[in-house]
Amino acid sequence: HPKKILKKIIPHFSSEYALANHSLHVAIYSVSLAYFLKLREEQIVQVA
C-alpha cells in the first residue's frame, strides 16, 4: 500500500503512549518515509 498505508492505518493507531506502541508506530512511519525517500532495501531494514 505505498501511497495509502499511512492515511489508512493511522486512524487505527492506539493513542496510548506505551513503549511497545511507540516503537511499533515509529517503525511503521520510518519504513514509510524511507520508502518514499527511495532508500535501498538494506537501509529500510536498518531503519526499521
All heavy atoms as atom14 arrays in JSON, in Angstrom:
{
  "sequence": "HPKKILKKIIPHFSSEYALANHSLHVAIYSVSLAYFLKLREEQIVQVA",
  "atom14_mask": [
    [1, 1, 1, 1, 1, 1, 1, 1, 1, 1, 0, 0, 0, 0],
    [1, 1, 1, 1, 1, 1, 1, 0, 0, 0, 0, 0, 0, 0],
    [1, 1, 1, 1, 1, 1, 1, 1, 1, 0, 0, 0, 0, 0],
    [1, 1, 1, 1, 1, 1, 1, 1, 1, 0, 0, 0, 0, 0],
    [1, 1, 1, 1, 1, 1, 1, 1, 0, 0, 0, 0, 0, 0],
    [1, 1, 1, 1, 1, 1, 1, 1, 0, 0, 0, 0, 0, 0],
    [1, 1, 1, 1, 1, 1, 1, 1, 1, 0, 0, 0, 0, 0],
    [1, 1, 1, 1, 1, 1, 1, 1, 1, 0, 0, 0, 0, 0],
    [1, 1, 1, 1, 1, 1, 1, 1, 0, 0, 0, 0, 0, 0],
    [1, 1, 1, 1, 1, 1, 1, 1, 0, 0, 0, 0, 0, 0],
    [1, 1, 1, 1, 1, 1, 1, 0, 0, 0, 0, 0, 0, 0],
    [1, 1, 1, 1, 1, 1, 1, 1, 1, 1, 0, 0, 0, 0],
    [1, 1, 1, 1, 1, 1, 1, 1, 1, 1, 1, 0, 0, 0],
    [1, 1, 1, 1, 1, 1, 0, 0, 0, 0, 0, 0, 0, 0],
    [1, 1, 1, 1, 1, 1, 0, 0, 0, 0, 0, 0, 0, 0],
    [1, 1, 1, 1, 1, 1, 1, 1, 1, 0, 0, 0, 0, 0],
    [1, 1, 1, 1, 1, 1, 1, 1, 1, 1, 1, 1, 0, 0],
    [1, 1, 1, 1, 1, 0, 0, 0, 0, 0, 0, 0, 0, 0],
    [1, 1, 1, 1, 1, 1, 1, 1, 0, 0, 0, 0, 0, 0],
    [1, 1, 1, 1, 1, 0, 0, 0, 0, 0, 0, 0, 0, 0],
    [1, 1, 1, 1, 1, 1, 1, 1, 0, 0, 0, 0, 0, 0],
    [1, 1, 1, 1, 1, 1, 1, 1, 1, 1, 0, 0, 0, 0],
    [1, 1, 1, 1, 1, 1, 0, 0, 0, 0, 0, 0, 0, 0],
    [1, 1, 1, 1, 1, 1, 1, 1, 0, 0, 0, 0, 0, 0],
    [1, 1, 1, 1, 1, 1, 1, 1, 1, 1, 0, 0, 0, 0],
    [1, 1, 1, 1, 1, 1, 1, 0, 0, 0, 0, 0, 0, 0],
    [1, 1, 1, 1, 1, 0, 0, 0, 0, 0, 0, 0, 0, 0],
    [1, 1, 1, 1, 1, 1, 1, 1, 0, 0, 0, 0, 0, 0],
    [1, 1, 1, 1, 1, 1, 1, 1, 1, 1, 1, 1, 0, 0],
    [1, 1, 1, 1, 1, 1, 0, 0, 0, 0, 0, 0, 0, 0],
    [1, 1, 1, 1, 1, 1, 1, 0, 0, 0, 0, 0, 0, 0],
    [1, 1, 1, 1, 1, 1, 0, 0, 0, 0, 0, 0, 0, 0],
    [1, 1, 1, 1, 1, 1, 1, 1, 0, 0, 0, 0, 0, 0],
    [1, 1, 1, 1, 1, 0, 0, 0, 0, 0, 0, 0, 0, 0],
    [1, 1, 1, 1, 1, 1, 1, 1, 1, 1, 1, 1, 0, 0],
    [1, 1, 1, 1, 1, 1, 1, 1, 1, 1, 1, 0, 0, 0],
    [1, 1, 1, 1, 1, 1, 1, 1, 0, 0, 0, 0, 0, 0],
    [1, 1, 1, 1, 1, 1, 1, 1, 1, 0, 0, 0, 0, 0],
    [1, 1, 1, 1, 1, 1, 1, 1, 0, 0, 0, 0, 0, 0],
    [1, 1, 1, 1, 1, 1, 1, 1, 1, 1, 1, 0, 0, 0],
    [1, 1, 1, 1, 1, 1, 1, 1, 1, 0, 0, 0, 0, 0],
    [1, 1, 1, 1, 1, 1, 1, 1, 1, 0, 0, 0, 0, 0],
    [1, 1, 1, 1, 1, 1, 1, 1, 1, 0, 0, 0, 0, 0],
    [1, 1, 1, 1, 1, 1, 1, 1, 0, 0, 0, 0, 0, 0],
    [1, 1, 1, 1, 1, 1, 1, 0, 0, 0, 0, 0, 0, 0],
    [1, 1, 1, 1, 1, 1, 1, 1, 1, 0, 0, 0, 0, 0],
    [1, 1, 1, 1, 1, 1, 1, 0, 0, 0, 0, 0, 0, 0],
    [1, 1, 1, 1, 1, 0, 0, 0, 0, 0, 0, 0, 0, 0]
  ],
  "atom14_positions": [
    [[0.85, -1.2, 0.0], [0.0, 0.0, 0.0], [0.89, 1.25, 0.0], [0.79, 2.09, 0.9], [-0.89, 0.02, 1.24], [-1.68, -1.22, 1.48], [-2.9, -1.45, 0.9], [-1.42, -2.31, 2.24], [-3.37, -2.62, 1.31], [-2.49, -3.16, 2.11], [0.0, 0.0, 0.0], [0.0, 0.0, 0.0], [0.0, 0.0, 0.0], [0.0, 0.0, 0.0]],
    [[1.76, 1.44, -0.99], [2.77, 2.51, -0.92], [2.2, 3.92, -0.82], [2.78, 4.78, -0.17], [3.58, 2.32, -2.21], [2.64, 1.61, -3.14], [1.85, 0.7, -2.26], [0.0, 0.0, 0.0], [0.0, 0.0, 0.0], [0.0, 0.0, 0.0], [0.0, 0.0, 0.0], [0.0, 0.0, 0.0], [0.0, 0.0, 0.0], [0.0, 0.0, 0.0]],
    [[1.06, 4.15, -1.45], [0.52, 5.51, -1.47], [-0.64, 5.7, -0.5], [-1.22, 6.77, -0.44], [0.07, 5.86, -2.89], [1.23, 5.93, -3.88], [0.76, 6.4, -5.23], [1.94, 6.54, -6.2], [1.51, 7.0, -7.53], [0.0, 0.0, 0.0], [0.0, 0.0, 0.0], [0.0, 0.0, 0.0], [0.0, 0.0, 0.0], [0.0, 0.0, 0.0]],
    [[-0.97, 4.67, 0.26], [-2.14, 4.78, 1.13], [-1.89, 4.3, 2.55], [-2.73, 4.48, 3.43], [-3.3, 3.95, 0.54], [-3.72, 4.39, -0.85], [-4.81, 3.48, -1.39], [-5.23, 3.89, -2.8], [-6.27, 3.0, -3.35], [0.0, 0.0, 0.0], [0.0, 0.0, 0.0], [0.0, 0.0, 0.0], [0.0, 0.0, 0.0], [0.0, 0.0, 0.0]],
    [[-0.75, 3.68, 2.79], [-0.52, 2.99, 4.06], [-0.75, 3.9, 5.27], [-1.5, 3.55, 6.18], [0.89, 2.35, 4.1], [1.14, 1.67, 5.44], [1.98, 3.35, 3.8], [0.39, 0.4, 5.64], [0.0, 0.0, 0.0], [0.0, 0.0, 0.0], [0.0, 0.0, 0.0], [0.0, 0.0, 0.0], [0.0, 0.0, 0.0], [0.0, 0.0, 0.0]],
    [[-0.14, 5.08, 5.3], [-0.24, 5.92, 6.49], [-1.64, 6.5, 6.65], [-2.2, 6.52, 7.75], [0.79, 7.04, 6.45], [2.25, 6.58, 6.55], [3.19, 7.78, 6.58], [2.49, 5.72, 7.78], [0.0, 0.0, 0.0], [0.0, 0.0, 0.0], [0.0, 0.0, 0.0], [0.0, 0.0, 0.0], [0.0, 0.0, 0.0], [0.0, 0.0, 0.0]],
    [[-2.22, 6.95, 5.56], [-3.56, 7.53, 5.63], [-4.59, 6.52, 6.1], [-5.53, 6.85, 6.82], [-3.96, 8.07, 4.25], [-5.18, 8.96, 4.25], [-5.35, 9.64, 2.91], [-6.51, 10.62, 2.95], [-6.68, 11.31, 1.65], [0.0, 0.0, 0.0], [0.0, 0.0, 0.0], [0.0, 0.0, 0.0], [0.0, 0.0, 0.0], [0.0, 0.0, 0.0]],
    [[-4.4, 5.26, 5.71], [-5.36, 4.22, 6.07], [-5.11, 3.63, 7.46], [-6.04, 3.23, 8.15], [-5.31, 3.08, 5.03], [-6.03, 3.41, 3.74], [-6.17, 2.17, 2.89], [-7.07, 2.42, 1.69], [-7.28, 1.18, 0.9], [0.0, 0.0, 0.0], [0.0, 0.0, 0.0], [0.0, 0.0, 0.0], [0.0, 0.0, 0.0], [0.0, 0.0, 0.0]],
    [[-3.85, 3.57, 7.86], [-3.54, 2.85, 9.1], [-3.5, 3.76, 10.33], [-3.81, 3.31, 11.43], [-2.2, 2.08, 8.95], [-2.17, 0.89, 9.91], [-1.0, 2.98, 9.15], [-1.03, -0.07, 9.66], [0.0, 0.0, 0.0], [0.0, 0.0, 0.0], [0.0, 0.0, 0.0], [0.0, 0.0, 0.0], [0.0, 0.0, 0.0], [0.0, 0.0, 0.0]],
    [[-3.15, 5.04, 10.18], [-3.05, 5.95, 11.32], [-4.34, 6.03, 12.14], [-4.29, 6.03, 13.38], [-2.6, 7.36, 10.88], [-1.12, 7.34, 10.5], [-2.83, 8.39, 11.97], [-0.61, 8.66, 9.94], [0.0, 0.0, 0.0], [0.0, 0.0, 0.0], [0.0, 0.0, 0.0], [0.0, 0.0, 0.0], [0.0, 0.0, 0.0], [0.0, 0.0, 0.0]],
    [[-5.52, 6.08, 11.5], [-6.75, 6.16, 12.3], [-6.93, 4.98, 13.27], [-7.7, 5.09, 14.23], [-7.86, 6.16, 11.25], [-7.22, 6.72, 10.03], [-5.82, 6.19, 10.06], [0.0, 0.0, 0.0], [0.0, 0.0, 0.0], [0.0, 0.0, 0.0], [0.0, 0.0, 0.0], [0.0, 0.0, 0.0], [0.0, 0.0, 0.0], [0.0, 0.0, 0.0]],
    [[-6.23, 3.89, 13.03], [-6.37, 2.71, 13.88], [-5.23, 2.58, 14.9], [-5.19, 1.62, 15.66], [-6.44, 1.45, 13.02], [-7.5, 1.5, 11.97], [-8.84, 1.62, 12.28], [-7.43, 1.49, 10.62], [-9.54, 1.65, 11.16], [-8.72, 1.58, 10.15], [0.0, 0.0, 0.0], [0.0, 0.0, 0.0], [0.0, 0.0, 0.0], [0.0, 0.0, 0.0]],
    [[-4.29, 3.55, 14.89], [-3.21, 3.54, 15.87], [-3.76, 3.78, 17.27], [-4.64, 4.62, 17.47], [-2.18, 4.63, 15.57], [-1.13, 4.24, 14.55], [-1.13, 3.0, 13.96], [-0.15, 5.14, 14.18], [-0.17, 2.66, 13.03], [0.82, 4.81, 13.26], [0.82, 3.56, 12.68], [0.0, 0.0, 0.0], [0.0, 0.0, 0.0], [0.0, 0.0, 0.0]],
    [[-3.22, 3.06, 18.23], [-3.55, 3.33, 19.63], [-2.98, 4.69, 20.01], [-1.86, 5.03, 19.62], [-2.95, 2.24, 20.52], [-3.06, 2.61, 21.87], [0.0, 0.0, 0.0], [0.0, 0.0, 0.0], [0.0, 0.0, 0.0], [0.0, 0.0, 0.0], [0.0, 0.0, 0.0], [0.0, 0.0, 0.0], [0.0, 0.0, 0.0], [0.0, 0.0, 0.0]],
    [[-3.75, 5.47, 20.76], [-3.27, 6.79, 21.17], [-2.47, 6.73, 22.47], [-1.9, 7.72, 22.9], [-4.45, 7.75, 21.35], [-5.31, 7.29, 22.37], [0.0, 0.0, 0.0], [0.0, 0.0, 0.0], [0.0, 0.0, 0.0], [0.0, 0.0, 0.0], [0.0, 0.0, 0.0], [0.0, 0.0, 0.0], [0.0, 0.0, 0.0], [0.0, 0.0, 0.0]],
    [[-2.42, 5.54, 23.08], [-1.68, 5.37, 24.34], [-0.18, 5.42, 24.08], [0.33, 4.7, 23.2], [-2.04, 4.04, 25.0], [-1.32, 3.81, 26.32], [-1.52, 2.4, 26.85], [-2.22, 1.61, 26.19], [-0.95, 2.08, 27.91], [0.0, 0.0, 0.0], [0.0, 0.0, 0.0], [0.0, 0.0, 0.0], [0.0, 0.0, 0.0], [0.0, 0.0, 0.0]],
    [[0.53, 6.24, 24.84], [1.98, 6.37, 24.64], [2.71, 5.32, 25.47], [3.39, 5.63, 26.45], [2.45, 7.78, 25.01], [3.86, 8.08, 24.56], [4.13, 8.42, 23.24], [4.92, 8.02, 25.45], [5.42, 8.71, 22.83], [6.21, 8.3, 25.05], [6.46, 8.64, 23.74], [7.75, 8.91, 23.32], [0.0, 0.0, 0.0], [0.0, 0.0, 0.0]],
    [[2.57, 4.07, 25.1], [3.32, 2.99, 25.74], [4.55, 2.71, 24.88], [4.53, 2.93, 23.66], [2.46, 1.74, 25.85], [0.0, 0.0, 0.0], [0.0, 0.0, 0.0], [0.0, 0.0, 0.0], [0.0, 0.0, 0.0], [0.0, 0.0, 0.0], [0.0, 0.0, 0.0], [0.0, 0.0, 0.0], [0.0, 0.0, 0.0], [0.0, 0.0, 0.0]],
    [[5.61, 2.22, 25.49], [6.85, 1.98, 24.76], [6.63, 1.03, 23.58], [7.14, 1.27, 22.49], [7.92, 1.41, 25.7], [9.27, 1.07, 25.05], [9.88, 2.28, 24.36], [10.22, 0.49, 26.08], [0.0, 0.0, 0.0], [0.0, 0.0, 0.0], [0.0, 0.0, 0.0], [0.0, 0.0, 0.0], [0.0, 0.0, 0.0], [0.0, 0.0, 0.0]],
    [[5.87, -0.04, 23.8], [5.63, -1.01, 22.72], [4.92, -0.34, 21.55], [5.3, -0.51, 20.38], [4.81, -2.2, 23.24], [0.0, 0.0, 0.0], [0.0, 0.0, 0.0], [0.0, 0.0, 0.0], [0.0, 0.0, 0.0], [0.0, 0.0, 0.0], [0.0, 0.0, 0.0], [0.0, 0.0, 0.0], [0.0, 0.0, 0.0], [0.0, 0.0, 0.0]],
    [[3.85, 0.42, 21.85], [3.1, 1.11, 20.79], [3.99, 2.11, 20.06], [4.0, 2.18, 18.83], [1.9, 1.85, 21.38], [0.84, 0.93, 21.93], [0.84, -0.26, 21.63], [-0.06, 1.46, 22.73], [0.0, 0.0, 0.0], [0.0, 0.0, 0.0], [0.0, 0.0, 0.0], [0.0, 0.0, 0.0], [0.0, 0.0, 0.0], [0.0, 0.0, 0.0]],
    [[4.71, 2.9, 20.85], [5.56, 3.95, 20.27], [6.61, 3.34, 19.33], [6.8, 3.83, 18.22], [6.24, 4.73, 21.39], [7.16, 5.81, 20.91], [6.73, 6.89, 20.16], [8.5, 5.99, 21.07], [7.75, 7.68, 19.88], [8.84, 7.15, 20.42], [0.0, 0.0, 0.0], [0.0, 0.0, 0.0], [0.0, 0.0, 0.0], [0.0, 0.0, 0.0]],
    [[7.25, 2.28, 19.76], [8.28, 1.64, 18.94], [7.69, 1.11, 17.64], [8.28, 1.27, 16.56], [8.95, 0.5, 19.72], [9.6, 1.0, 20.87], [0.0, 0.0, 0.0], [0.0, 0.0, 0.0], [0.0, 0.0, 0.0], [0.0, 0.0, 0.0], [0.0, 0.0, 0.0], [0.0, 0.0, 0.0], [0.0, 0.0, 0.0], [0.0, 0.0, 0.0]],
    [[6.52, 0.47, 17.72], [5.87, -0.07, 16.53], [5.46, 1.05, 15.58], [5.7, 0.98, 14.37], [4.66, -0.9, 16.92], [3.86, -1.53, 15.77], [4.72, -2.51, 14.98], [2.61, -2.22, 16.3], [0.0, 0.0, 0.0], [0.0, 0.0, 0.0], [0.0, 0.0, 0.0], [0.0, 0.0, 0.0], [0.0, 0.0, 0.0], [0.0, 0.0, 0.0]],
    [[4.84, 2.1, 16.12], [4.4, 3.21, 15.27], [5.58, 3.89, 14.58], [5.52, 4.18, 13.38], [3.66, 4.25, 16.12], [2.4, 3.76, 16.73], [1.69, 4.46, 17.68], [1.69, 2.61, 16.54], [0.62, 3.79, 18.04], [0.61, 2.65, 17.36], [0.0, 0.0, 0.0], [0.0, 0.0, 0.0], [0.0, 0.0, 0.0], [0.0, 0.0, 0.0]],
    [[6.65, 4.15, 15.35], [7.82, 4.82, 14.76], [8.44, 3.94, 13.68], [8.92, 4.45, 12.66], [8.85, 5.2, 15.85], [10.13, 5.74, 15.22], [8.25, 6.24, 16.79], [0.0, 0.0, 0.0], [0.0, 0.0, 0.0], [0.0, 0.0, 0.0], [0.0, 0.0, 0.0], [0.0, 0.0, 0.0], [0.0, 0.0, 0.0], [0.0, 0.0, 0.0]],
    [[8.41, 2.64, 13.87], [8.93, 1.73, 12.84], [8.09, 1.82, 11.56], [8.63, 1.87, 10.44], [8.95, 0.29, 13.35], [0.0, 0.0, 0.0], [0.0, 0.0, 0.0], [0.0, 0.0, 0.0], [0.0, 0.0, 0.0], [0.0, 0.0, 0.0], [0.0, 0.0, 0.0], [0.0, 0.0, 0.0], [0.0, 0.0, 0.0], [0.0, 0.0, 0.0]],
    [[6.77, 1.86, 11.7], [5.88, 1.97, 10.53], [6.1, 3.3, 9.82], [6.24, 3.36, 8.6], [4.41, 1.81, 10.95], [4.15, 0.37, 11.43], [3.47, 2.15, 9.78], [2.78, 0.15, 12.07], [0.0, 0.0, 0.0], [0.0, 0.0, 0.0], [0.0, 0.0, 0.0], [0.0, 0.0, 0.0], [0.0, 0.0, 0.0], [0.0, 0.0, 0.0]],
    [[6.15, 4.4, 10.59], [6.41, 5.71, 9.99], [7.77, 5.74, 9.3], [7.92, 6.25, 8.18], [6.39, 6.8, 11.07], [5.02, 7.16, 11.61], [4.81, 7.26, 12.99], [3.96, 7.42, 10.76], [3.56, 7.61, 13.49], [2.71, 7.76, 11.26], [2.51, 7.86, 12.63], [1.29, 8.2, 13.14], [0.0, 0.0, 0.0], [0.0, 0.0, 0.0]],
    [[8.78, 5.19, 9.97], [10.15, 5.25, 9.45], [10.31, 4.45, 8.16], [10.97, 4.9, 7.22], [11.14, 4.75, 10.5], [11.14, 5.59, 11.64], [0.0, 0.0, 0.0], [0.0, 0.0, 0.0], [0.0, 0.0, 0.0], [0.0, 0.0, 0.0], [0.0, 0.0, 0.0], [0.0, 0.0, 0.0], [0.0, 0.0, 0.0], [0.0, 0.0, 0.0]],
    [[9.72, 3.27, 8.12], [9.79, 2.46, 6.9], [9.07, 3.18, 5.76], [9.56, 3.21, 4.62], [9.17, 1.06, 7.13], [8.97, 0.32, 5.81], [10.06, 0.25, 8.06], [0.0, 0.0, 0.0], [0.0, 0.0, 0.0], [0.0, 0.0, 0.0], [0.0, 0.0, 0.0], [0.0, 0.0, 0.0], [0.0, 0.0, 0.0], [0.0, 0.0, 0.0]],
    [[7.93, 3.8, 6.05], [7.19, 4.53, 5.02], [8.01, 5.7, 4.49], [8.12, 5.9, 3.28], [5.86, 5.05, 5.58], [5.05, 3.99, 6.01], [0.0, 0.0, 0.0], [0.0, 0.0, 0.0], [0.0, 0.0, 0.0], [0.0, 0.0, 0.0], [0.0, 0.0, 0.0], [0.0, 0.0, 0.0], [0.0, 0.0, 0.0], [0.0, 0.0, 0.0]],
    [[8.6, 6.48, 5.4], [9.41, 7.62, 4.98], [10.63, 7.16, 4.2], [10.97, 7.74, 3.16], [9.83, 8.44, 6.2], [10.72, 9.67, 5.93], [10.14, 10.56, 4.85], [10.95, 10.45, 7.23], [0.0, 0.0, 0.0], [0.0, 0.0, 0.0], [0.0, 0.0, 0.0], [0.0, 0.0, 0.0], [0.0, 0.0, 0.0], [0.0, 0.0, 0.0]],
    [[11.3, 6.11, 4.67], [12.47, 5.57, 3.96], [12.08, 5.11, 2.56], [12.83, 5.3, 1.58], [13.07, 4.42, 4.75], [0.0, 0.0, 0.0], [0.0, 0.0, 0.0], [0.0, 0.0, 0.0], [0.0, 0.0, 0.0], [0.0, 0.0, 0.0], [0.0, 0.0, 0.0], [0.0, 0.0, 0.0], [0.0, 0.0, 0.0], [0.0, 0.0, 0.0]],
    [[10.9, 4.51, 2.44], [10.42, 4.04, 1.14], [10.18, 5.22, 0.21], [10.56, 5.19, -0.96], [9.14, 3.23, 1.32], [8.61, 2.59, 0.06], [9.1, 1.36, -0.36], [7.64, 3.22, -0.7], [8.63, 0.76, -1.53], [7.16, 2.64, -1.86], [7.65, 1.41, -2.28], [7.18, 0.84, -3.43], [0.0, 0.0, 0.0], [0.0, 0.0, 0.0]],
    [[9.56, 6.28, 0.72], [9.3, 7.47, -0.1], [10.59, 8.19, -0.47], [10.66, 8.87, -1.5], [8.35, 8.42, 0.63], [6.9, 8.16, 0.33], [6.22, 7.14, 0.98], [6.21, 8.91, -0.61], [4.88, 6.88, 0.71], [4.88, 8.66, -0.89], [4.21, 7.65, -0.24], [0.0, 0.0, 0.0], [0.0, 0.0, 0.0], [0.0, 0.0, 0.0]],
    [[11.61, 8.06, 0.37], [12.92, 8.67, 0.07], [13.74, 7.8, -0.88], [14.86, 8.16, -1.24], [13.7, 8.89, 1.36], [13.19, 10.01, 2.28], [13.85, 9.93, 3.65], [13.44, 11.38, 1.64], [0.0, 0.0, 0.0], [0.0, 0.0, 0.0], [0.0, 0.0, 0.0], [0.0, 0.0, 0.0], [0.0, 0.0, 0.0], [0.0, 0.0, 0.0]],
    [[13.16, 6.64, -1.25], [13.8, 5.71, -2.18], [15.13, 5.16, -1.64], [16.1, 4.98, -2.39], [14.01, 6.35, -3.56], [12.7, 6.72, -4.25], [12.95, 7.36, -5.61], [11.67, 7.5, -6.41], [10.59, 8.24, -5.73], [0.0, 0.0, 0.0], [0.0, 0.0, 0.0], [0.0, 0.0, 0.0], [0.0, 0.0, 0.0], [0.0, 0.0, 0.0]],
    [[15.16, 4.88, -0.35], [16.33, 4.24, 0.23], [16.41, 2.8, -0.24], [15.41, 2.21, -0.63], [16.27, 4.28, 1.76], [16.98, 5.47, 2.44], [16.38, 6.78, 1.98], [16.91, 5.34, 3.95], [0.0, 0.0, 0.0], [0.0, 0.0, 0.0], [0.0, 0.0, 0.0], [0.0, 0.0, 0.0], [0.0, 0.0, 0.0], [0.0, 0.0, 0.0]],
    [[17.61, 2.24, -0.2], [17.8, 0.85, -0.6], [17.12, -0.08, 0.4], [16.89, 0.28, 1.55], [19.3, 0.51, -0.66], [20.09, 1.35, -1.66], [21.51, 0.79, -1.83], [22.16, 0.53, -0.57], [22.84, 1.44, 0.11], [22.94, 2.68, -0.34], [23.42, 1.12, 1.26], [0.0, 0.0, 0.0], [0.0, 0.0, 0.0], [0.0, 0.0, 0.0]],
    [[16.81, -1.3, -0.07], [16.14, -2.29, 0.78], [16.91, -2.51, 2.07], [16.33, -2.59, 3.16], [16.03, -3.61, 0.01], [15.33, -4.72, 0.76], [13.81, -4.64, 0.66], [13.31, -3.92, -0.21], [13.14, -5.28, 1.49], [0.0, 0.0, 0.0], [0.0, 0.0, 0.0], [0.0, 0.0, 0.0], [0.0, 0.0, 0.0], [0.0, 0.0, 0.0]],
    [[18.23, -2.61, 1.96], [19.06, -2.83, 3.14], [18.9, -1.7, 4.16], [18.81, -1.93, 5.37], [20.53, -2.93, 2.72], [21.51, -3.11, 3.87], [22.96, -3.02, 3.42], [23.21, -2.65, 2.25], [23.83, -3.31, 4.24], [0.0, 0.0, 0.0], [0.0, 0.0, 0.0], [0.0, 0.0, 0.0], [0.0, 0.0, 0.0], [0.0, 0.0, 0.0]],
    [[18.82, -0.46, 3.67], [18.67, 0.69, 4.56], [17.28, 0.72, 5.21], [17.13, 1.14, 6.36], [18.9, 1.98, 3.78], [20.34, 2.16, 3.32], [20.49, 3.4, 2.44], [19.84, 3.53, 1.4], [21.33, 4.32, 2.87], [0.0, 0.0, 0.0], [0.0, 0.0, 0.0], [0.0, 0.0, 0.0], [0.0, 0.0, 0.0], [0.0, 0.0, 0.0]],
    [[16.26, 0.27, 4.46], [14.91, 0.24, 5.01], [14.84, -0.75, 6.17], [14.22, -0.46, 7.2], [13.89, -0.13, 3.9], [13.82, 1.01, 2.87], [12.52, -0.39, 4.49], [12.94, 0.7, 1.67], [0.0, 0.0, 0.0], [0.0, 0.0, 0.0], [0.0, 0.0, 0.0], [0.0, 0.0, 0.0], [0.0, 0.0, 0.0], [0.0, 0.0, 0.0]],
    [[15.49, -1.9, 6.02], [15.53, -2.87, 7.11], [16.29, -2.28, 8.31], [15.87, -2.43, 9.46], [16.2, -4.18, 6.65], [16.41, -5.13, 7.84], [15.36, -4.86, 5.58], [0.0, 0.0, 0.0], [0.0, 0.0, 0.0], [0.0, 0.0, 0.0], [0.0, 0.0, 0.0], [0.0, 0.0, 0.0], [0.0, 0.0, 0.0], [0.0, 0.0, 0.0]],
    [[17.39, -1.59, 8.04], [18.18, -0.99, 9.11], [17.39, 0.07, 9.87], [17.42, 0.11, 11.11], [19.45, -0.37, 8.53], [20.47, -1.38, 8.05], [21.63, -0.75, 7.29], [21.55, 0.4, 6.86], [22.71, -1.5, 7.14], [0.0, 0.0, 0.0], [0.0, 0.0, 0.0], [0.0, 0.0, 0.0], [0.0, 0.0, 0.0], [0.0, 0.0, 0.0]],
    [[16.66, 0.92, 9.15], [15.91, 1.98, 9.83], [14.77, 1.38, 10.64], [14.42, 1.88, 11.72], [15.39, 3.04, 8.83], [14.14, 2.59, 8.09], [15.11, 4.36, 9.56], [0.0, 0.0, 0.0], [0.0, 0.0, 0.0], [0.0, 0.0, 0.0], [0.0, 0.0, 0.0], [0.0, 0.0, 0.0], [0.0, 0.0, 0.0], [0.0, 0.0, 0.0]],
    [[14.2, 0.26, 10.17], [13.13, -0.41, 10.93], [13.67, -0.95, 12.25], [13.05, -0.78, 13.31], [12.53, -1.53, 10.1], [0.0, 0.0, 0.0], [0.0, 0.0, 0.0], [0.0, 0.0, 0.0], [0.0, 0.0, 0.0], [0.0, 0.0, 0.0], [0.0, 0.0, 0.0], [0.0, 0.0, 0.0], [0.0, 0.0, 0.0], [0.0, 0.0, 0.0]]
  ]
}
